Protein backbone atom coordinates (compact mmCIF):
# COMPACT_ATOMS: atom_id res chain seq x y z
CA MET A 1 106.18 164.77 98.90
CA ASP A 2 103.81 162.65 100.72
CA HIS A 3 101.51 160.35 98.81
CA PRO A 4 97.93 159.79 100.28
CA ALA A 5 97.32 156.45 101.86
CA PRO A 6 95.20 153.60 100.13
CA PRO A 7 91.56 153.55 101.09
CA PRO A 8 90.59 150.86 103.74
CA ASP A 9 89.40 147.68 102.35
CA LEU A 10 85.58 147.26 102.26
CA LEU A 11 84.59 143.79 103.77
CA GLN A 12 80.66 144.16 104.15
CA ILE A 13 78.20 140.91 104.14
CA GLY A 14 75.15 142.85 104.99
CA ALA A 15 72.37 141.60 107.53
CA ALA A 16 70.31 139.93 104.54
CA THR A 17 73.16 137.84 103.21
CA ARG A 18 73.18 133.89 103.98
CA GLU A 19 76.06 131.87 103.85
CA PHE A 20 77.79 128.40 104.03
CA LEU A 21 81.44 128.73 105.36
CA VAL A 22 84.07 126.05 105.66
CA GLY A 23 87.27 126.75 106.72
CA GLY A 24 90.76 125.08 108.06
CA ASP A 25 88.83 124.73 111.65
CA ALA A 26 86.31 122.60 110.72
CA CYS A 27 88.03 121.07 107.83
CA PRO A 28 91.76 120.38 108.91
CA VAL A 29 92.76 118.92 105.35
CA LEU A 30 91.67 121.92 103.61
CA PRO A 31 95.03 124.18 103.87
CA GLY A 32 96.81 121.18 102.88
CA LEU A 33 94.81 121.34 99.68
CA GLY A 34 95.89 124.88 99.08
CA LEU A 35 92.62 126.31 100.58
CA SER A 36 92.14 128.91 103.40
CA LEU A 37 88.24 129.23 103.23
CA CYS A 38 85.16 127.93 100.54
CA GLY A 39 81.69 128.94 100.81
CA ILE A 40 78.81 129.65 99.28
CA SER A 41 77.07 133.33 99.84
CA TRP A 42 73.28 133.99 98.98
CA ALA A 43 74.41 137.75 98.66
CA GLN A 44 71.55 140.62 99.01
CA PRO A 45 71.86 144.09 98.51
CA GLY A 46 74.60 145.63 101.07
CA PHE A 47 77.13 142.82 100.22
CA ARG A 48 80.04 144.80 99.03
CA PHE A 49 83.93 143.78 99.20
CA ALA A 50 86.80 145.69 97.86
CA ARG A 51 90.42 144.97 98.67
CA THR A 52 93.82 146.48 97.67
CA ASN A 53 96.66 144.66 98.46
CA TRP A 54 95.30 141.02 99.67
CA ASP A 55 98.09 138.18 99.92
CA SER A 56 95.20 135.68 98.71
CA ALA A 57 93.53 134.88 95.43
CA GLN A 58 90.14 134.13 94.90
CA THR A 59 87.62 132.72 92.50
CA MET A 60 83.94 133.52 92.68
CA VAL A 61 81.53 131.41 90.39
CA THR A 62 78.42 133.24 89.74
CA VAL A 63 75.40 130.51 90.14
CA ALA A 64 72.25 132.38 90.01
CA GLY A 65 71.33 136.13 89.68
CA GLU A 66 73.67 138.86 88.93
CA GLY A 67 76.79 140.71 90.64
CA ARG A 68 78.87 143.63 89.55
CA VAL A 69 82.59 143.04 89.76
CA LEU A 70 85.34 145.34 88.81
CA VAL A 71 87.68 144.41 85.92
CA ASP A 72 89.83 146.97 84.39
CA GLY A 73 88.56 149.90 86.25
CA ALA A 74 84.93 149.48 85.68
CA PHE A 75 82.29 147.43 87.28
CA VAL A 76 80.78 144.93 84.82
CA SER A 77 78.22 142.05 85.38
CA SER A 78 78.82 138.53 86.40
CA LEU A 79 76.13 136.40 85.52
CA PRO A 80 75.73 132.49 85.89
CA GLY A 81 78.32 130.64 83.90
CA MET A 82 81.05 133.40 84.88
CA ALA A 83 84.01 133.12 87.28
CA TYR A 84 85.55 136.09 88.87
CA GLN A 85 89.05 135.61 89.22
CA THR A 86 91.14 137.94 91.64
CA PRO A 87 95.09 137.45 91.80
CA CYS A 88 96.84 137.95 94.85
CA LEU A 89 98.12 141.55 95.60
CA GLN A 90 95.75 143.20 92.95
CA LYS A 91 93.01 145.49 93.59
CA HIS A 92 89.25 143.90 93.08
CA ALA A 93 86.00 144.95 94.37
CA TYR A 94 82.43 143.36 94.11
CA HIS A 95 78.69 143.84 95.13
CA ALA A 96 75.27 142.48 94.97
CA ASP A 97 73.38 146.08 94.78
CA LEU A 98 71.30 144.93 91.84
CA GLY A 99 69.57 141.94 93.99
CA GLU A 100 70.31 138.29 95.15
CA TRP A 101 73.67 137.09 93.78
CA VAL A 102 74.47 133.46 94.26
CA VAL A 103 78.23 132.96 94.39
CA ALA A 104 80.26 129.60 94.94
CA TRP A 105 83.92 130.69 95.72
CA ALA A 106 87.24 129.97 97.00
CA ILE A 107 90.11 131.64 98.62
CA PHE A 108 93.66 130.19 98.09
CA MET A 109 96.39 129.72 100.63
CA PRO A 110 98.92 132.93 100.52
CA GLY A 111 102.07 131.28 98.95
CA ARG A 112 99.88 129.32 96.44
CA ALA A 113 97.75 131.84 94.93
CA SER A 114 99.87 132.86 92.26
CA ALA A 115 100.13 129.25 90.98
CA VAL A 116 96.68 128.85 90.56
CA VAL A 117 95.24 132.25 89.49
CA ASP A 118 97.86 133.27 87.22
CA ALA A 119 96.26 136.57 85.85
CA GLN A 120 97.78 139.65 86.17
CA SER A 121 94.73 141.62 87.01
CA PRO A 122 91.07 140.77 87.92
CA ARG A 123 89.34 138.91 85.38
CA LEU A 124 86.17 137.18 84.29
CA VAL A 125 86.23 133.99 82.55
CA ASN A 126 83.55 131.42 81.45
CA ALA A 127 83.07 128.65 84.13
CA ASP A 128 79.94 126.36 85.43
CA GLY A 129 80.00 126.78 89.31
CA ARG A 130 77.54 124.23 89.72
CA SER A 131 79.47 121.40 90.70
CA LEU A 132 81.74 123.75 93.07
CA GLN A 133 78.51 124.55 94.72
CA ALA A 134 77.43 120.84 95.11
CA ALA A 135 80.80 119.94 96.48
CA ILE A 136 80.73 122.85 98.90
CA THR A 137 77.14 122.41 99.91
CA ALA A 138 77.96 118.56 100.83
CA LEU A 139 81.20 119.76 102.57
CA TYR A 140 79.42 122.09 104.85
CA HIS A 141 76.66 119.86 105.56
CA GLU A 142 79.45 116.83 106.65
CA THR A 143 81.32 119.19 108.73
CA THR A 144 78.44 120.53 110.67
CA GLY A 145 76.41 116.98 110.81
CA ALA A 146 77.95 113.49 110.93
CA ASN A 147 81.58 114.98 110.84
CA ASP A 148 83.20 111.88 109.20
CA ALA A 149 86.81 112.62 108.61
CA LEU A 150 86.99 110.33 105.55
CA ILE A 151 84.13 111.90 104.14
CA ILE A 152 85.38 115.31 104.79
CA GLY A 153 88.87 114.57 103.00
CA ARG A 154 87.48 113.25 99.88
CA LEU A 155 84.68 116.15 99.98
CA ALA A 156 87.39 118.76 100.64
CA GLU A 157 89.86 117.15 97.71
CA ALA A 158 86.86 117.51 95.36
CA VAL A 159 86.17 121.27 96.50
CA ALA A 160 89.81 122.17 95.91
CA MET A 161 90.22 120.21 92.24
CA LEU A 162 86.63 122.03 91.17
CA ALA A 163 87.90 125.47 92.46
CA GLN A 164 91.46 125.31 90.77
CA ARG A 165 89.30 124.01 87.54
CA CYS A 166 87.08 127.42 87.82
CA ALA A 167 90.35 129.23 88.26
CA GLY A 168 91.50 127.64 85.04
CA SER A 169 94.26 125.98 86.32
CA ARG A 170 93.51 122.16 86.03
CA ARG A 171 96.10 121.73 83.16
CA HIS A 172 97.33 118.22 83.93
CA ASP A 173 100.41 116.95 81.97
CA PRO A 174 99.65 113.49 80.84
CA ARG A 175 103.11 112.47 82.06
CA LEU A 176 102.23 113.17 85.57
CA ALA A 177 99.13 111.58 85.22
CA ALA A 178 101.19 108.69 84.22
CA MET A 179 103.59 108.63 86.92
CA TRP A 180 100.66 109.11 89.42
CA GLU A 181 98.86 105.82 88.62
CA ASP A 182 102.43 103.95 88.83
CA VAL A 183 102.61 105.35 92.32
CA ARG A 184 98.99 104.46 93.29
CA ALA A 185 99.88 100.96 91.98
CA ASP A 186 102.99 100.57 94.09
CA LEU A 187 102.49 102.62 97.46
CA ASN A 188 104.58 100.61 99.56
CA GLN A 189 107.50 101.63 97.55
CA PRO A 190 110.25 104.05 98.95
CA TRP A 191 109.23 106.89 96.38
CA SER A 192 111.88 109.57 96.25
CA LEU A 193 111.24 113.24 94.62
CA ASP A 194 113.96 111.83 92.01
CA GLY A 195 112.86 108.78 91.44
CA MET A 196 109.29 110.23 90.55
CA ALA A 197 110.73 112.81 88.41
CA ARG A 198 112.46 110.09 86.60
CA ARG A 199 109.28 107.96 86.03
CA ALA A 200 107.65 110.97 84.76
CA GLY A 201 110.61 111.75 82.62
CA MET A 202 111.50 115.52 83.73
CA GLY A 203 113.73 117.14 86.55
CA ALA A 204 112.64 117.24 90.28
CA GLU A 205 112.19 121.00 90.11
CA GLN A 206 109.89 120.51 87.09
CA LEU A 207 107.79 117.96 88.86
CA ARG A 208 107.54 119.96 91.68
CA ARG A 209 106.29 123.13 90.06
CA TYR A 210 103.72 120.86 88.01
CA CYS A 211 102.43 119.41 91.16
CA ARG A 212 102.11 122.35 92.94
CA ARG A 213 100.06 123.85 89.87
CA ASP A 214 97.94 120.83 89.51
CA HIS A 215 97.39 119.82 93.03
CA GLY A 216 98.32 122.52 95.39
CA ARG A 217 100.78 120.28 96.83
CA THR A 218 104.35 119.42 96.57
CA PRO A 219 105.30 115.91 95.47
CA ALA A 220 105.88 114.62 98.68
CA GLN A 221 102.63 116.21 100.13
CA HIS A 222 100.64 114.52 97.44
CA LEU A 223 102.28 111.07 97.97
CA THR A 224 101.53 111.03 101.71
CA TRP A 225 97.91 112.08 100.53
CA LEU A 226 97.61 109.33 98.10
CA ARG A 227 99.08 106.93 100.69
CA LEU A 228 96.72 107.91 103.57
CA SER A 229 93.77 108.07 101.39
CA HIS A 230 94.45 104.64 100.52
CA ALA A 231 95.09 103.43 104.10
CA ALA A 232 91.49 105.14 104.77
CA ASP A 233 89.80 103.00 102.35
CA LEU A 234 91.46 99.77 103.66
CA LEU A 235 90.68 100.84 107.07
CA THR A 236 86.96 101.49 106.35
CA ALA A 237 86.75 97.96 104.70
CA GLY A 238 87.74 96.51 108.02
CA ARG A 239 89.61 93.40 106.83
CA MET A 240 93.15 94.57 107.79
CA THR A 241 94.63 95.75 111.33
CA VAL A 242 96.06 99.50 111.43
CA ALA A 243 99.76 97.68 111.66
CA GLU A 244 99.06 95.68 108.15
CA VAL A 245 97.43 98.76 106.22
CA ALA A 246 100.71 100.95 107.40
CA THR A 247 102.68 98.49 105.91
CA VAL A 248 100.79 98.47 102.66
CA VAL A 249 100.91 101.95 102.10
CA GLY A 250 104.66 102.25 102.62
CA TYR A 251 104.91 102.87 106.40
CA CYS A 252 107.63 101.05 108.43
CA ASP A 253 106.93 102.61 111.48
CA GLY A 254 103.35 102.30 112.76
CA PHE A 255 103.72 105.30 115.06
CA ALA A 256 104.65 107.38 112.21
CA PHE A 257 101.60 106.25 110.23
CA SER A 258 99.35 106.89 112.96
CA THR A 259 100.89 110.49 113.46
CA ALA A 260 100.23 111.54 109.65
CA PHE A 261 97.11 110.02 109.39
CA LYS A 262 95.63 111.88 112.47
CA ARG A 263 97.36 115.08 111.05
CA VAL A 264 96.06 114.47 107.60
CA MET A 265 92.67 113.02 108.17
CA GLY A 266 91.51 114.56 111.49
CA ARG A 267 91.37 111.34 113.71
CA PRO A 268 93.37 108.20 114.52
CA PRO A 269 93.39 105.27 112.28
CA SER A 270 92.24 103.16 115.08
CA THR A 271 88.97 105.08 115.45
CA LEU A 272 88.20 104.63 111.94
CA ARG A 273 88.62 100.89 111.91
CA GLN A 274 86.58 100.21 114.85
CA ALA A 275 83.79 102.41 113.33
CA THR A 276 83.40 99.77 110.83
CA GLN A 277 83.66 96.75 113.06
CA PRO A 278 80.16 95.12 113.77
CA PRO A 279 79.10 95.72 117.67
CA ILE A 280 79.55 92.51 119.66
CA PRO A 281 75.89 91.69 121.05
CA PRO A 282 75.69 91.52 124.83
CA ALA A 283 75.92 87.89 126.35
CA ALA A 284 72.34 86.35 126.64
CA PRO A 285 71.95 86.17 130.49
CA ALA A 286 71.76 82.19 131.69
CA PRO A 287 68.19 80.94 132.36
CA ARG A 288 66.96 81.11 135.80
CA GLN A 289 65.86 77.71 137.49
CA ALA A 290 62.36 78.53 138.68
CA SER A 291 61.41 77.16 142.40
CA PRO A 292 59.17 74.20 142.61
CA THR A 293 56.75 76.56 144.21
CA ALA A 294 56.66 79.04 141.18
CA ARG A 295 56.03 76.27 138.78
CA ALA A 296 53.17 75.08 140.35
CA GLY A 297 51.83 78.49 140.69
CA ARG A 298 52.26 79.04 136.88
CA ARG A 299 50.68 75.76 136.02
CA ALA A 300 47.58 76.93 138.46
CA ALA A 301 47.32 80.58 136.96
CA PRO A 302 44.33 81.10 134.36
CA GLY A 303 45.62 81.45 130.92
CA ARG A 304 43.94 81.76 127.54
CA PRO A 305 42.70 78.29 126.15
CA ARG A 306 44.83 76.70 123.21
CA ALA A 307 43.75 76.62 119.66
């Protein structure tokens, strides 16, 4: 017996809806933080979405207005202070047919979605989206304006952390917090997965699982992020060369450091350091010796009387 095909997904923004969108093309560090896309939607009637087998998870926090979201087979209201969480591969839907609905939202990368939104079906939870809205707004304006890679990296990390908090996944283990503080204090050490696990008092696989849950990264990826973030701070201060910074944050090979920095931060470390150096003023031209005729002419020229 043939089974009917599921209805196609409905992805309808509507002509009157306005959005701020930031993805991996404008923010290269975003996928490494576990996000494929984030944004703010000032949704208007005609904004309607329905998905049946999506491989990503999403959290949508209502900032203003009222939207309708599908929970347990029925549409219910999502009001300010509520987050609509949609786990991967689960049917979900939402619309703004009641009027303007302002939502701050983030889509988590496939493969990381289940570690962030761990619900079995779409649900509404309490969440304050104002900080997430502010962080996404700042990230959008930076990527479309000054486009400073260091600032973009910091803002993207804030967006990822706030999105995970709104998704209910910011459950930090104090053992990990203490371990990462030790790592930050000694970044030039050759930290290994087993060494970090021993410092945290847990197994390597448990550390990997908790790190993905808390940060959206593997321990090695988070270690790289800590090293390069600190390197960016040192380069911005402008008191150390690129080679000196590389050594301080644990890179013996300057080429490997520059390659990793450009991949994660979106620009070579040398350009970040150059941007902090004061410009060298042009040399003043040597004074020209006027001819005796010119000097005589200046003296003969009429001028204002001296006081």
